[in-house]
Protein backbone atom coordinates (compact mmCIF):
# COMPACT_ATOMS: atom_id res chain seq x y z
CA MET A 1 -14.06 -2.84 -24.98
CA ALA A 2 -16.23 -0.09 -23.09
CA ASP A 3 -16.00 3.53 -24.64
CA LEU A 4 -14.12 5.06 -21.55
CA SER A 5 -14.66 8.68 -23.27
CA ASP A 6 -18.39 8.43 -22.67
CA PRO A 7 -18.82 9.39 -18.78
CA LYS A 8 -21.88 6.64 -18.28
CA SER A 9 -19.83 3.87 -20.21
CA ALA A 10 -16.39 4.81 -18.11
CA LEU A 11 -18.23 4.40 -14.89
CA HIS A 12 -19.89 1.38 -15.62
CA HIS A 13 -16.89 -0.27 -16.55
CA TYR A 14 -14.67 0.87 -13.40
CA LEU A 15 -17.70 -0.65 -11.36
CA GLN A 16 -17.93 -4.01 -13.60
CA THR A 17 -14.13 -4.19 -12.92
CA THR A 18 -13.63 -3.46 -9.38
CA ARG A 19 -16.64 -6.30 -8.82
CA GLU A 20 -14.79 -9.01 -10.88
CA ASP A 21 -11.76 -7.73 -8.85
CA LEU A 22 -12.90 -8.48 -5.53
CA ILE A 23 -14.63 -11.72 -6.68
CA TRP A 24 -10.91 -12.46 -7.76
CA LYS A 25 -9.65 -11.94 -3.99
CA LEU A 26 -11.75 -15.70 -3.46
CA ASP A 27 -10.30 -17.72 -6.12
CA GLY A 28 -8.58 -21.32 -4.42
CA LEU A 29 -10.16 -20.37 -1.02
CA SER A 30 -11.84 -23.01 0.77
CA GLU A 31 -15.25 -22.23 2.82
CA ARG A 32 -13.09 -21.81 5.76
CA GLU A 33 -10.65 -19.80 4.35
CA ALA A 34 -13.38 -17.26 2.93
CA ARG A 35 -15.03 -17.07 6.12
CA LEU A 36 -12.14 -17.08 8.51
CA PRO A 37 -12.09 -13.39 10.38
CA ARG A 38 -8.93 -11.55 9.49
CA THR A 39 -9.35 -8.47 11.66
CA ALA A 40 -9.82 -7.40 15.48
CA THR A 41 -13.30 -6.72 13.95
CA GLY A 42 -14.21 -9.76 12.43
CA ASN A 43 -13.71 -8.76 8.38
CA ASN A 44 -13.34 -11.85 6.18
CA LEU A 45 -13.21 -11.74 2.42
CA LEU A 46 -16.73 -13.70 2.00
CA GLY A 47 -18.16 -11.13 4.13
CA VAL A 48 -17.05 -8.27 2.25
CA LEU A 49 -18.33 -9.76 -1.01
CA LYS A 50 -21.52 -10.03 0.72
CA HIS A 51 -21.66 -6.63 2.14
CA CYS A 52 -21.14 -5.46 -1.46
CA LEU A 53 -23.30 -7.41 -3.09
CA ASN A 54 -26.18 -6.03 -0.48
CA VAL A 55 -25.33 -2.36 -1.05
CA GLU A 56 -25.54 -2.92 -4.86
CA ALA A 57 -28.94 -4.53 -4.90
CA GLY A 58 -29.80 -1.79 -2.62
CA TYR A 59 -28.51 1.15 -4.25
CA PHE A 60 -29.47 -0.15 -7.94
CA GLY A 61 -32.98 -1.34 -6.54
CA PRO A 62 -35.15 0.44 -4.32
CA THR A 63 -33.62 3.41 -4.78
CA PHE A 64 -34.78 3.57 -8.60
CA GLY A 65 -37.91 1.66 -7.89
CA ARG A 66 -37.08 -1.27 -9.04
CA GLN A 67 -36.60 -4.83 -6.77
CA PHE A 68 -34.34 -7.31 -6.98
CA PRO A 69 -35.97 -10.95 -8.31
CA THR A 70 -35.42 -13.01 -5.43
CA PRO A 71 -35.05 -10.50 -2.35
CA GLU A 72 -35.23 -12.95 0.24
CA GLU A 73 -31.68 -14.26 -1.38
CA LEU A 74 -30.76 -10.87 0.38
CA VAL A 75 -30.09 -9.68 3.68
CA PRO A 76 -33.60 -7.69 4.73
CA MET A 77 -33.61 -4.31 6.23
CA ARG A 78 -35.23 -5.73 9.30
CA ALA A 79 -31.90 -8.25 10.02
CA TYR A 80 -29.96 -5.23 10.86
CA ASP A 81 -31.96 -4.52 13.85
CA GLU A 82 -30.82 -7.58 15.59
CA ASP A 83 -27.80 -8.04 13.85
CA PRO A 84 -25.77 -4.51 12.64
CA GLN A 85 -23.02 -6.48 11.39
CA ALA A 86 -25.76 -9.26 9.29
CA ASP A 87 -24.68 -8.55 6.06
CA TRP A 88 -20.89 -8.85 7.49
CA TYR A 89 -20.65 -12.98 7.24
CA ALA A 90 -21.86 -15.96 5.16
CA ARG A 91 -24.78 -17.60 7.17
CA GLU A 92 -23.72 -21.54 7.58
CA ASP A 93 -26.73 -21.83 5.06
CA GLU A 94 -24.95 -20.08 2.60
CA THR A 95 -21.87 -21.09 0.62
CA LYS A 96 -18.99 -19.42 -1.45
CA ASP A 97 -19.98 -20.47 -4.69
CA GLU A 98 -23.65 -19.34 -4.14
CA LEU A 99 -22.70 -16.04 -2.80
CA ILE A 100 -20.04 -15.30 -5.73
CA ASP A 101 -22.89 -16.38 -8.00
CA LEU A 102 -25.28 -14.41 -6.53
CA TYR A 103 -22.76 -11.37 -6.76
CA ARG A 104 -22.99 -11.72 -10.28
CA ARG A 105 -27.04 -11.89 -10.24
CA VAL A 106 -26.91 -8.82 -8.14
CA GLY A 107 -24.26 -7.16 -11.01
CA ALA A 108 -26.60 -7.97 -13.92
CA PHE A 109 -29.58 -6.49 -11.95
CA ALA A 110 -27.46 -3.44 -11.32
CA ASP A 111 -26.34 -3.02 -14.58
CA GLU A 112 -29.97 -3.37 -16.29
CA THR A 113 -30.67 -0.36 -13.83
CA ILE A 114 -27.68 1.73 -15.05
CA ASN A 115 -28.10 0.69 -19.05
CA GLN A 116 -31.85 1.40 -18.80
CA LEU A 117 -31.91 4.83 -17.18
CA PRO A 118 -29.86 8.26 -18.07
CA LEU A 119 -26.94 9.91 -15.53
CA ASP A 120 -29.06 12.58 -14.69
CA ALA A 121 -32.09 10.04 -13.81
CA PRO A 122 -33.97 10.56 -10.38
CA GLY A 123 -33.64 8.43 -7.30
CA ARG A 124 -34.47 8.20 -3.66
CA VAL A 125 -32.32 6.46 -1.12
CA PRO A 126 -34.90 5.46 1.47
CA TRP A 127 -32.38 4.92 4.03
CA TRP A 128 -30.86 8.22 3.80
CA GLY A 129 -33.62 9.93 4.94
CA PRO A 130 -33.93 13.96 3.83
CA LYS A 131 -30.81 13.76 2.16
CA GLY A 132 -32.34 10.81 0.07
CA ASP A 133 -32.90 12.17 -3.21
CA VAL A 134 -30.15 11.18 -5.81
CA THR A 135 -29.16 11.24 -9.42
CA LEU A 136 -27.88 7.45 -11.21
CA GLN A 137 -24.60 9.36 -11.58
CA ARG A 138 -24.33 9.83 -7.77
CA ILE A 139 -25.19 6.55 -6.86
CA ILE A 140 -22.94 4.43 -9.43
CA VAL A 141 -19.80 7.14 -8.36
CA HIS A 142 -20.87 6.08 -4.35
CA VAL A 143 -21.01 2.69 -5.19
CA ILE A 144 -17.69 2.53 -7.03
CA SER A 145 -16.51 4.38 -3.82
CA ASP A 146 -17.81 2.01 -1.59
CA VAL A 147 -16.80 -1.54 -3.65
CA ALA A 148 -13.60 0.21 -4.41
CA ARG A 149 -13.05 0.83 -0.50
CA HIS A 150 -13.82 -3.04 0.40
CA ALA A 151 -11.73 -4.33 -2.73
CA GLY A 152 -8.73 -2.85 -0.72
CA HIS A 153 -9.85 -4.22 2.00
CA ALA A 154 -10.08 -7.83 0.13
CA ASP A 155 -6.54 -7.32 -0.99
CA ILE A 156 -4.58 -6.78 2.23
CA MET A 157 -6.85 -9.46 3.63
CA ARG A 158 -5.64 -12.03 0.84
CA GLU A 159 -2.33 -11.03 1.10
CA GLN A 160 -2.17 -11.66 4.65
CA HIS A 161 -3.63 -15.07 4.20
CA ASP A 162 -1.16 -16.73 1.47
CA GLY A 163 0.44 -13.71 0.26
CA ALA A 164 -1.30 -13.74 -2.80
CA ILE A 165 -1.28 -9.69 -4.15
CA GLY A 166 -2.21 -8.00 -7.22
CA TRP A 167 -4.49 -5.08 -8.45
CA GLN A 168 -6.53 -7.12 -10.83
CA ARG A 169 -6.17 -10.69 -12.56
CA GLU A 170 -4.66 -9.77 -15.77
CA ASN A 171 -2.70 -6.96 -14.23
CA THR A 172 -1.06 -7.16 -10.76
CA ASN A 173 0.57 -4.14 -11.21
CA ILE A 174 3.10 -5.62 -9.16
CA PRO A 175 7.03 -5.75 -10.09
CA ASP A 176 7.73 -9.93 -10.91
CA ASP A 177 11.12 -9.37 -9.52
CA GLN A 178 10.59 -7.60 -6.13
CA ASP A 179 12.64 -8.70 -3.28
CA TRP A 180 9.91 -8.20 -0.79
CA PRO A 181 11.99 -8.75 2.30
CA ALA A 182 14.39 -6.68 1.66
CA TYR A 183 11.87 -3.75 0.39
CA VAL A 184 10.31 -4.04 3.88
CA ALA A 185 13.35 -3.77 5.51
CA LYS A 186 14.20 -0.62 3.51
CA LEU A 187 11.19 1.04 4.59
CA THR A 188 11.14 -0.12 8.65
CA LYS A 189 14.78 1.26 8.52
CA LEU A 190 13.50 4.63 6.95
CA ALA A 191 10.15 4.45 9.48
CA ASP A 192 12.85 3.46 12.73
CA ARG A 193 14.98 6.99 11.76
CA PHE A 194 11.13 8.48 13.32
CA GLY A 195 11.17 6.59 15.86
């Protein structure tokens, strides 16, 4: 159990929890279901995970003078010149299980950076230009914010796919006996008062 009274342990705990929540949103999905675009801009569950693993590898790697041990598994920076969405979908030669495994390995790599450095350790985000000087604390907060936002996207995409809802595997934070059609009707009626 993380010591949530310690700032570094608390930040690390929330990052780890959010990672696992994102991975959970892919449970039970076929390759097609995981890859299928769910929004008008092509967002898909597996693409969200791939984006997040590349975010973590970058922010906890080069920012602090480290390199992921198998960089060829990540989307190289030059790939964005040809396709700005290069990390938002799985290529044909990548599988859901492989990307989940890669995200776990990237997580372990990021955890090493977090464990080895103090919160005030300096770093430099190369792609932020002149504003790239940071601390480990700022990067942990930045990455938690990024991954949590995308986990929220995954929540909605998964709910739209098959109705699977919930915040975490162990604690959905959703009432068990909710009459969802009645609840939606109630909210629709309320919204219609402003129409």
